[in-house]
Amino acid sequence: MNSAQIAKILWESKYTVCLSGREMIVDDGIDSMRNMLSAYAIEMEYGYSPEEVFSAKFFNNRTELFYKFYREKVLAQDKEPGRAFTALARLDQMGIVKSTITRQLYDFPRRAGCRRVFNLHGTIHERNCCPRCGRDYSLEYLRTEGKVPLCSQCRVPVHPGVRLLGEMVDIKVISQAAEEVAKADTLLLAGTNMRAEVVQQFIRYYEGNRVIVIHEKEHFSDKEADYTVIQNVSDALTEIAEELRRMQEAQGA
């Protein structure tokens, strides 16, 4: 499939929901720490795997090392959203994409301009708070306040706004995201594949018949999608957004 064909499908869709995948942040230069080289480098530097460090158990038992990792490997990568998210926001603002679901931590869809976003694991920008009194703290406070940022009132470590491994997710957000998928007649899997965890989590709620996958390399699960685009996700979404702009202009002419 090419961008013009996907644009036509999206144009005809009544309710498209996007599942934003890992390739979208990788294309922005974010190291997701999921590849073997990154994981090995982190284990050599910190003595633990990324999964071990980024966990509730590690936060509670080795808080200083957790915050060293969180600042150096998570917060240090924060930047402005790139082309993939800018294009996705254009689709949102055109009324083509009704909502976006993501597990990524940088809130790129909302920051790019998407209006209805479900951040399943929270973001680095929201609700950094004291687990005891609930007082909120800024991202800058987490970056700069001592080796371990403490609540100024309770003197306990501030918890970052993200959900750590081993912690309960926000059931309300999960339920709302599942409802969005259930309403969709089209699912747009941007920068991910049919076997990705976020897709497997929500595909059971989907009752439509148009699943579009956009990712850079072929995957054995592509046959499970209705339409597949093998292309860089930033390029593909930008082309689709431009094609849809032309379609809107032609309709209004």
C-alpha atoms as a PDB file:
ATOM      1  CA  MET A   1       0.000   0.000   0.000  1.00  0.00           C
ATOM      2  CA  ASN A   2       1.125   3.570  -0.602  1.00  0.00           C
ATOM      3  CA  SER A   3       0.359   6.810   1.228  1.00  0.00           C
ATOM      4  CA  ALA A   4      -2.364   7.908  -1.190  1.00  0.00           C
ATOM      5  CA  GLN A   5      -4.240   4.618  -0.728  1.00  0.00           C
ATOM      6  CA  ILE A   6      -3.971   4.819   3.079  1.00  0.00           C
ATOM      7  CA  ALA A   7      -5.133   8.444   2.998  1.00  0.00           C
ATOM      8  CA  LYS A   8      -8.251   7.380   1.078  1.00  0.00           C
ATOM      9  CA  ILE A   9      -9.024   4.685   3.659  1.00  0.00           C
ATOM     10  CA  LEU A  10      -8.606   7.171   6.503  1.00  0.00           C
ATOM     11  CA  TRP A  11     -10.713   9.738   4.640  1.00  0.00           C
ATOM     12  CA  GLU A  12     -13.573   7.238   4.446  1.00  0.00           C
ATOM     13  CA  SER A  13     -13.212   6.104   8.060  1.00  0.00           C
ATOM     14  CA  LYS A  14     -15.731   7.373  10.570  1.00  0.00           C
ATOM     15  CA  TYR A  15     -13.639   6.725  13.688  1.00  0.00           C
ATOM     16  CA  THR A  16      -9.880   6.130  13.514  1.00  0.00           C
ATOM     17  CA  VAL A  17      -7.842   5.428  16.632  1.00  0.00           C
ATOM     18  CA  CYS A  18      -4.043   5.456  16.550  1.00  0.00           C
ATOM     19  CA  LEU A  19      -1.836   3.144  18.571  1.00  0.00           C
ATOM     20  CA  SER A  20       1.510   4.957  18.679  1.00  0.00           C
ATOM     21  CA  GLY A  21       4.458   2.584  18.816  1.00  0.00           C
ATOM     22  CA  ARG A  22       8.135   2.553  19.691  1.00  0.00           C
ATOM     23  CA  GLU A  23       9.400   3.391  16.213  1.00  0.00           C
ATOM     24  CA  MET A  24       7.855   6.837  16.500  1.00  0.00           C
ATOM     25  CA  ILE A  25      10.124   7.836  19.374  1.00  0.00           C
ATOM     26  CA  VAL A  26      13.132   5.963  17.978  1.00  0.00           C
ATOM     27  CA  ASP A  27      12.758   8.006  14.798  1.00  0.00           C
ATOM     28  CA  ASP A  28      12.988  11.112  17.003  1.00  0.00           C
ATOM     29  CA  GLY A  29      16.356   9.902  18.282  1.00  0.00           C
ATOM     30  CA  ILE A  30      15.102   8.459  21.576  1.00  0.00           C
ATOM     31  CA  ASP A  31      16.906   5.343  22.792  1.00  0.00           C
ATOM     32  CA  SER A  32      14.095   3.111  24.015  1.00  0.00           C
ATOM     33  CA  MET A  33      16.691   0.811  25.634  1.00  0.00           C
ATOM     34  CA  ARG A  34      14.962  -2.198  24.119  1.00  0.00           C
ATOM     35  CA  ASN A  35      17.751  -3.258  21.779  1.00  0.00           C
ATOM     36  CA  MET A  36      20.514  -5.589  22.971  1.00  0.00           C
ATOM     37  CA  LEU A  37      23.359  -3.090  22.632  1.00  0.00           C
ATOM     38  CA  SER A  38      21.632  -0.438  24.749  1.00  0.00           C
ATOM     39  CA  ALA A  39      20.556  -2.959  27.366  1.00  0.00           C
ATOM     40  CA  TYR A  40      24.076  -4.357  27.586  1.00  0.00           C
ATOM     41  CA  ALA A  41      25.619  -0.875  27.908  1.00  0.00           C
ATOM     42  CA  ILE A  42      23.219   0.008  30.727  1.00  0.00           C
ATOM     43  CA  GLU A  43      23.938  -3.237  32.556  1.00  0.00           C
ATOM     44  CA  MET A  44      27.676  -2.552  32.294  1.00  0.00           C
ATOM     45  CA  GLU A  45      27.224   1.010  33.583  1.00  0.00           C
ATOM     46  CA  TYR A  46      24.676   0.455  36.347  1.00  0.00           C
ATOM     47  CA  GLY A  47      25.120  -3.215  37.176  1.00  0.00           C
ATOM     48  CA  TYR A  48      21.472  -3.964  36.404  1.00  0.00           C
ATOM     49  CA  SER A  49      19.288  -4.352  33.326  1.00  0.00           C
ATOM     50  CA  PRO A  50      16.985  -1.474  32.271  1.00  0.00           C
ATOM     51  CA  GLU A  51      13.978  -3.518  33.383  1.00  0.00           C
ATOM     52  CA  GLU A  52      15.467  -4.030  36.846  1.00  0.00           C
ATOM     53  CA  VAL A  53      16.336  -0.359  37.341  1.00  0.00           C
ATOM     54  CA  PHE A  54      13.037   0.955  35.994  1.00  0.00           C
ATOM     55  CA  SER A  55      10.956  -0.889  38.573  1.00  0.00           C
ATOM     56  CA  ALA A  56       9.055  -0.081  41.737  1.00  0.00           C
ATOM     57  CA  LYS A  57      11.249  -2.483  43.707  1.00  0.00           C
ATOM     58  CA  PHE A  58      14.420  -0.726  42.576  1.00  0.00           C
ATOM     59  CA  PHE A  59      12.936   2.711  43.247  1.00  0.00           C
ATOM     60  CA  ASN A  60      12.089   1.664  46.806  1.00  0.00           C
ATOM     61  CA  ASN A  61      15.348  -0.169  47.601  1.00  0.00           C
ATOM     62  CA  ARG A  62      18.019   1.682  45.581  1.00  0.00           C
ATOM     63  CA  THR A  63      16.497   5.109  45.161  1.00  0.00           C
ATOM     64  CA  GLU A  64      19.742   7.001  44.578  1.00  0.00           C
ATOM     65  CA  LEU A  65      20.836   4.703  41.749  1.00  0.00           C
ATOM     66  CA  PHE A  66      17.311   4.761  40.329  1.00  0.00           C
ATOM     67  CA  TYR A  67      17.387   8.547  40.120  1.00  0.00           C
ATOM     68  CA  LYS A  68      20.836   8.519  38.569  1.00  0.00           C
ATOM     69  CA  PHE A  69      19.466   6.268  35.837  1.00  0.00           C
ATOM     70  CA  TYR A  70      16.208   8.210  35.519  1.00  0.00           C
ATOM     71  CA  ARG A  71      18.026  11.518  35.057  1.00  0.00           C
ATOM     72  CA  GLU A  72      20.780  10.244  32.763  1.00  0.00           C
ATOM     73  CA  LYS A  73      18.829   7.796  30.593  1.00  0.00           C
ATOM     74  CA  VAL A  74      15.230   8.987  30.684  1.00  0.00           C
ATOM     75  CA  LEU A  75      14.979  12.711  31.475  1.00  0.00           C
ATOM     76  CA  ALA A  76      18.114  13.568  29.486  1.00  0.00           C
ATOM     77  CA  GLN A  77      16.433  12.302  26.302  1.00  0.00           C
ATOM     78  CA  ASP A  78      13.441  14.613  26.556  1.00  0.00           C
ATOM     79  CA  LYS A  79      13.075  16.861  23.502  1.00  0.00           C
ATOM     80  CA  GLU A  80      10.455  18.397  21.263  1.00  0.00           C
ATOM     81  CA  PRO A  81       8.229  16.017  19.253  1.00  0.00           C
ATOM     82  CA  GLY A  82       9.540  15.193  15.779  1.00  0.00           C
ATOM     83  CA  ARG A  83       7.997  14.776  12.346  1.00  0.00           C
ATOM     84  CA  ALA A  84       5.989  11.621  13.058  1.00  0.00           C
ATOM     85  CA  PHE A  85       4.131  13.252  15.929  1.00  0.00           C
ATOM     86  CA  THR A  86       3.700  16.529  14.062  1.00  0.00           C
ATOM     87  CA  ALA A  87       2.073  14.628  11.195  1.00  0.00           C
ATOM     88  CA  LEU A  88      -0.089  12.629  13.609  1.00  0.00           C
ATOM     89  CA  ALA A  89      -1.230  15.898  15.209  1.00  0.00           C
ATOM     90  CA  ARG A  90      -2.225  17.180  11.761  1.00  0.00           C
ATOM     91  CA  LEU A  91      -4.395  14.087  11.278  1.00  0.00           C
ATOM     92  CA  ASP A  92      -5.933  14.734  14.700  1.00  0.00           C
ATOM     93  CA  GLN A  93      -6.632  18.391  13.957  1.00  0.00           C
ATOM     94  CA  MET A  94      -8.196  17.474  10.592  1.00  0.00           C
ATOM     95  CA  GLY A  95     -10.629  15.281  12.514  1.00  0.00           C
ATOM     96  CA  ILE A  96      -9.261  12.110  10.885  1.00  0.00           C
ATOM     97  CA  VAL A  97      -7.696  10.564  14.004  1.00  0.00           C
ATOM     98  CA  LYS A  98     -10.063  10.743  16.955  1.00  0.00           C
ATOM     99  CA  SER A  99      -7.654   9.619  19.686  1.00  0.00           C
ATOM    100  CA  THR A 100      -4.138   8.303  20.271  1.00  0.00           C
ATOM    101  CA  ILE A 101      -3.050   5.571  22.669  1.00  0.00           C
ATOM    102  CA  THR A 102       0.592   5.245  23.699  1.00  0.00           C
ATOM    103  CA  ARG A 103       2.865   3.661  26.286  1.00  0.00           C
ATOM    104  CA  GLN A 104       5.728   6.090  25.661  1.00  0.00           C
ATOM    105  CA  LEU A 105       6.785   8.437  28.457  1.00  0.00           C
ATOM    106  CA  TYR A 106       7.499  11.763  26.782  1.00  0.00           C
ATOM    107  CA  ASP A 107       3.919  12.894  26.007  1.00  0.00           C
ATOM    108  CA  PHE A 108       4.922  13.610  22.404  1.00  0.00           C
ATOM    109  CA  PRO A 109       1.413  13.216  20.872  1.00  0.00           C
ATOM    110  CA  ARG A 110      -0.174  15.809  23.169  1.00  0.00           C
ATOM    111  CA  ARG A 111       2.818  18.138  22.961  1.00  0.00           C
ATOM    112  CA  ALA A 112       2.676  17.962  19.166  1.00  0.00           C
ATOM    113  CA  GLY A 113      -0.984  18.971  19.192  1.00  0.00           C
ATOM    114  CA  CYS A 114      -3.075  15.794  19.479  1.00  0.00           C
ATOM    115  CA  ARG A 115      -6.171  16.606  21.495  1.00  0.00           C
ATOM    116  CA  ARG A 116      -7.245  13.247  22.914  1.00  0.00           C
ATOM    117  CA  VAL A 117      -4.325  11.166  24.171  1.00  0.00           C
ATOM    118  CA  PHE A 118      -4.222   8.187  26.509  1.00  0.00           C
ATOM    119  CA  ASN A 119      -0.784   7.828  28.112  1.00  0.00           C
ATOM    120  CA  LEU A 120      -1.053   4.317  29.518  1.00  0.00           C
ATOM    121  CA  HIS A 121       2.119   4.519  31.628  1.00  0.00           C
ATOM    122  CA  GLY A 122       1.975   8.199  32.529  1.00  0.00           C
ATOM    123  CA  THR A 123       4.582  10.708  31.372  1.00  0.00           C
ATOM    124  CA  ILE A 124       7.676  12.378  32.745  1.00  0.00           C
ATOM    125  CA  HIS A 125       5.786  15.686  32.663  1.00  0.00           C
ATOM    126  CA  GLU A 126       2.852  14.836  34.890  1.00  0.00           C
ATOM    127  CA  ARG A 127       2.251  14.345  38.589  1.00  0.00           C
ATOM    128  CA  ASN A 128       5.728  13.976  40.024  1.00  0.00           C
ATOM    129  CA  CYS A 129       4.486  13.832  43.583  1.00  0.00           C
ATOM    130  CA  CYS A 130       5.127  12.878  47.163  1.00  0.00           C
ATOM    131  CA  PRO A 131       3.641   9.414  47.798  1.00  0.00           C
ATOM    132  CA  ARG A 132       2.783  10.464  51.342  1.00  0.00           C
ATOM    133  CA  CYS A 133       1.193  13.937  51.143  1.00  0.00           C
ATOM    134  CA  GLY A 134       0.510  14.146  47.400  1.00  0.00           C
ATOM    135  CA  ARG A 135       2.358  17.433  46.860  1.00  0.00           C
ATOM    136  CA  ASP A 136       3.344  17.957  43.212  1.00  0.00           C
ATOM    137  CA  TYR A 137       6.871  18.733  42.046  1.00  0.00           C
ATOM    138  CA  SER A 138       8.155  20.030  38.731  1.00  0.00           C
ATOM    139  CA  LEU A 139      10.273  18.104  36.279  1.00  0.00           C
ATOM    140  CA  GLU A 140      13.067  20.586  36.951  1.00  0.00           C
ATOM    141  CA  TYR A 141      12.927  19.698  40.658  1.00  0.00           C
ATOM    142  CA  LEU A 142      13.487  16.042  39.786  1.00  0.00           C
ATOM    143  CA  ARG A 143      16.399  16.987  37.548  1.00  0.00           C
ATOM    144  CA  THR A 144      18.263  19.162  40.018  1.00  0.00           C
ATOM    145  CA  GLU A 145      17.273  18.533  43.634  1.00  0.00           C
ATOM    146  CA  GLY A 146      20.066  16.486  45.235  1.00  0.00           C
ATOM    147  CA  LYS A 147      20.902  12.889  44.493  1.00  0.00           C
ATOM    148  CA  VAL A 148      17.379  11.933  45.518  1.00  0.00           C
ATOM    149  CA  PRO A 149      14.645  14.608  45.245  1.00  0.00           C
ATOM    150  CA  LEU A 150      12.771  14.621  48.543  1.00  0.00           C
ATOM    151  CA  CYS A 151       9.406  16.061  49.432  1.00  0.00           C
ATOM    152  CA  SER A 152      10.123  19.362  51.199  1.00  0.00           C
ATOM    153  CA  GLN A 153       7.476  18.551  53.768  1.00  0.00           C
ATOM    154  CA  CYS A 154       7.635  14.781  54.323  1.00  0.00           C
ATOM    155  CA  ARG A 155      11.308  14.215  53.433  1.00  0.00           C
ATOM    156  CA  VAL A 156      10.507  11.066  51.454  1.00  0.00           C
ATOM    157  CA  PRO A 157      11.552  10.476  47.828  1.00  0.00           C
ATOM    158  CA  VAL A 158       9.326  12.105  45.238  1.00  0.00           C
ATOM    159  CA  HIS A 159       7.779   9.561  42.875  1.00  0.00           C
ATOM    160  CA  PRO A 160       8.129  10.338  39.150  1.00  0.00           C
ATOM    161  CA  GLY A 161       4.983  10.729  37.080  1.00  0.00           C
ATOM    162  CA  VAL A 162       5.565   7.526  35.120  1.00  0.00           C
ATOM    163  CA  ARG A 163       4.330   4.069  36.054  1.00  0.00           C
ATOM    164  CA  LEU A 164       7.263   1.868  37.033  1.00  0.00           C
ATOM    165  CA  LEU A 165       7.403  -1.865  36.347  1.00  0.00           C
ATOM    166  CA  GLY A 166       5.525  -3.679  39.048  1.00  0.00           C
ATOM    167  CA  GLU A 167       3.147  -0.797  39.767  1.00  0.00           C
ATOM    168  CA  MET A 168      -0.572  -0.695  39.074  1.00  0.00           C
ATOM    169  CA  VAL A 169      -1.536   1.115  35.897  1.00  0.00           C
ATOM    170  CA  ASP A 170      -4.327   3.696  35.938  1.00  0.00           C
ATOM    171  CA  ILE A 171      -7.428   1.549  35.430  1.00  0.00           C
ATOM    172  CA  LYS A 172      -9.489   4.566  34.380  1.00  0.00           C
ATOM    173  CA  VAL A 173      -7.074   5.392  31.550  1.00  0.00           C
ATOM    174  CA  ILE A 174      -6.933   1.752  30.430  1.00  0.00           C
ATOM    175  CA  SER A 175     -10.737   1.529  30.393  1.00  0.00           C
ATOM    176  CA  GLN A 176     -11.101   4.752  28.427  1.00  0.00           C
ATOM    177  CA  ALA A 177      -8.526   3.579  25.894  1.00  0.00           C
ATOM    178  CA  ALA A 178     -10.334   0.233  25.524  1.00  0.00           C
ATOM    179  CA  GLU A 179     -13.607   2.095  24.909  1.00  0.00           C
ATOM    180  CA  GLU A 180     -11.928   4.129  22.170  1.00  0.00           C
ATOM    181  CA  VAL A 181     -10.703   0.985  20.438  1.00  0.00           C
ATOM    182  CA  ALA A 182     -14.168  -0.570  20.719  1.00  0.00           C
ATOM    183  CA  LYS A 183     -15.683   2.486  18.960  1.00  0.00           C
ATOM    184  CA  ALA A 184     -13.117   2.502  16.148  1.00  0.00           C
ATOM    185  CA  ASP A 185     -13.852   1.303  12.642  1.00  0.00           C
ATOM    186  CA  THR A 186     -10.165   1.831  11.742  1.00  0.00           C
ATOM    187  CA  LEU A 187      -7.042   1.184  13.803  1.00  0.00           C
ATOM    188  CA  LEU A 188      -3.840   2.933  12.773  1.00  0.00           C
ATOM    189  CA  LEU A 189      -0.779   1.144  14.180  1.00  0.00           C
ATOM    190  CA  ALA A 190       1.956   3.743  13.720  1.00  0.00           C
ATOM    191  CA  GLY A 191       5.505   2.553  14.252  1.00  0.00           C
ATOM    192  CA  THR A 192       4.568  -0.806  15.707  1.00  0.00           C
ATOM    193  CA  ASN A 193       3.328  -4.264  14.674  1.00  0.00           C
ATOM    194  CA  MET A 194       0.459  -6.614  15.386  1.00  0.00           C
ATOM    195  CA  ARG A 195       2.374  -8.520  18.069  1.00  0.00           C
ATOM    196  CA  ALA A 196       3.512  -5.491  20.069  1.00  0.00           C
ATOM    197  CA  GLU A 197       2.332  -5.518  23.673  1.00  0.00           C
ATOM    198  CA  VAL A 198       0.171  -2.405  23.382  1.00  0.00           C
ATOM    199  CA  VAL A 199      -1.565  -3.858  20.309  1.00  0.00           C
ATOM    200  CA  GLN A 200      -2.159  -7.239  21.939  1.00  0.00           C
ATOM    201  CA  GLN A 201      -3.535  -5.449  25.004  1.00  0.00           C
ATOM    202  CA  PHE A 202      -6.285  -3.685  23.025  1.00  0.00           C
ATOM    203  CA  ILE A 203      -6.932  -5.589  19.807  1.00  0.00           C
ATOM    204  CA  ARG A 204      -9.437  -7.841  21.579  1.00  0.00           C
ATOM    205  CA  TYR A 205     -11.755  -4.839  21.992  1.00  0.00           C
ATOM    206  CA  TYR A 206     -11.642  -3.967  18.304  1.00  0.00           C
ATOM    207  CA  GLU A 207     -14.686  -4.830  16.203  1.00  0.00           C
ATOM    208  CA  GLY A 208     -13.815  -2.974  12.992  1.00  0.00           C
ATOM    209  CA  ASN A 209     -12.311  -4.349   9.798  1.00  0.00           C
ATOM    210  CA  ARG A 210      -9.542  -1.905   8.853  1.00  0.00           C
ATOM    211  CA  VAL A 211      -6.253  -2.374  10.673  1.00  0.00           C
ATOM    212  CA  ILE A 212      -3.450  -0.324   9.115  1.00  0.00           C
ATOM    213  CA  VAL A 213       0.153  -1.052  10.082  1.00  0.00           C
ATOM    214  CA  ILE A 214       2.933   1.429   9.298  1.00  0.00           C
ATOM    215  CA  HIS A 215       6.474   0.425  10.182  1.00  0.00           C
ATOM    216  CA  GLU A 216       9.914   0.372   8.644  1.00  0.00           C
ATOM    217  CA  LYS A 217      10.663  -3.339   8.367  1.00  0.00           C
ATOM    218  CA  GLU A 218       8.526  -6.300   7.431  1.00  0.00           C
ATOM    219  CA  HIS A 219       7.279  -8.399  10.357  1.00  0.00           C
ATOM    220  CA  PHE A 220       5.845 -11.903  10.350  1.00  0.00           C
ATOM    221  CA  SER A 221       2.596 -10.535  11.834  1.00  0.00           C
ATOM    222  CA  ASP A 222       1.971  -8.164   8.909  1.00  0.00           C
ATOM    223  CA  LYS A 223      -0.339 -10.771   7.384  1.00  0.00           C
ATOM    224  CA  GLU A 224      -2.701 -10.240  10.334  1.00  0.00           C
ATOM    225  CA  ALA A 225      -3.280  -6.599   9.357  1.00  0.00           C
ATOM    226  CA  ASP A 226      -5.669  -5.496   6.624  1.00  0.00           C
ATOM    227  CA  TYR A 227      -3.231  -2.964   5.167  1.00  0.00           C
ATOM    228  CA  THR A 228       0.524  -2.625   5.618  1.00  0.00           C
ATOM    229  CA  VAL A 229       2.912   0.175   4.714  1.00  0.00           C
ATOM    230  CA  ILE A 230       6.606  -0.700   4.936  1.00  0.00           C
ATOM    231  CA  GLN A 231       8.159   2.742   5.260  1.00  0.00           C
ATOM    232  CA  ASN A 232       9.780   5.069   7.767  1.00  0.00           C
ATOM    233  CA  VAL A 233       6.900   6.140   9.995  1.00  0.00           C
ATOM    234  CA  SER A 234       7.776   9.865   9.905  1.00  0.00           C
ATOM    235  CA  ASP A 235       7.878   9.865   6.105  1.00  0.00           C
ATOM    236  CA  ALA A 236       4.698   7.832   5.764  1.00  0.00           C
ATOM    237  CA  LEU A 237       2.605   9.899   8.197  1.00  0.00           C
ATOM    238  CA  THR A 238       3.858  13.150   6.676  1.00  0.00           C
ATOM    239  CA  GLU A 239       2.886  11.962   3.185  1.00  0.00           C
ATOM    240  CA  ILE A 240      -0.522  10.755   4.416  1.00  0.00           C
ATOM    241  CA  ALA A 241      -1.205  14.058   6.187  1.00  0.00           C
ATOM    242  CA  GLU A 242      -0.277  16.003   3.044  1.00  0.00           C
ATOM    243  CA  GLU A 243      -2.490  13.810   0.875  1.00  0.00           C
ATOM    244  CA  LEU A 244      -5.410  14.305   3.255  1.00  0.00           C
ATOM    245  CA  ARG A 245      -4.827  18.068   3.221  1.00  0.00           C
ATOM    246  CA  ARG A 246      -5.170  18.037  -0.546  1.00  0.00           C
ATOM    247  CA  MET A 247      -8.345  15.970  -0.282  1.00  0.00           C
ATOM    248  CA  GLN A 248      -9.852  18.413   2.183  1.00  0.00           C
ATOM    249  CA  GLU A 249      -8.944  21.367  -0.001  1.00  0.00           C
ATOM    250  CA  ALA A 250     -10.440  19.681  -3.063  1.00  0.00           C
ATOM    251  CA  GLN A 251     -13.671  19.021  -1.198  1.00  0.00           C
ATOM    252  CA  GLY A 252     -13.867  22.641  -0.083  1.00  0.00           C
ATOM    253  CA  ALA A 253     -13.123  24.012  -3.559  1.00  0.00           C
END
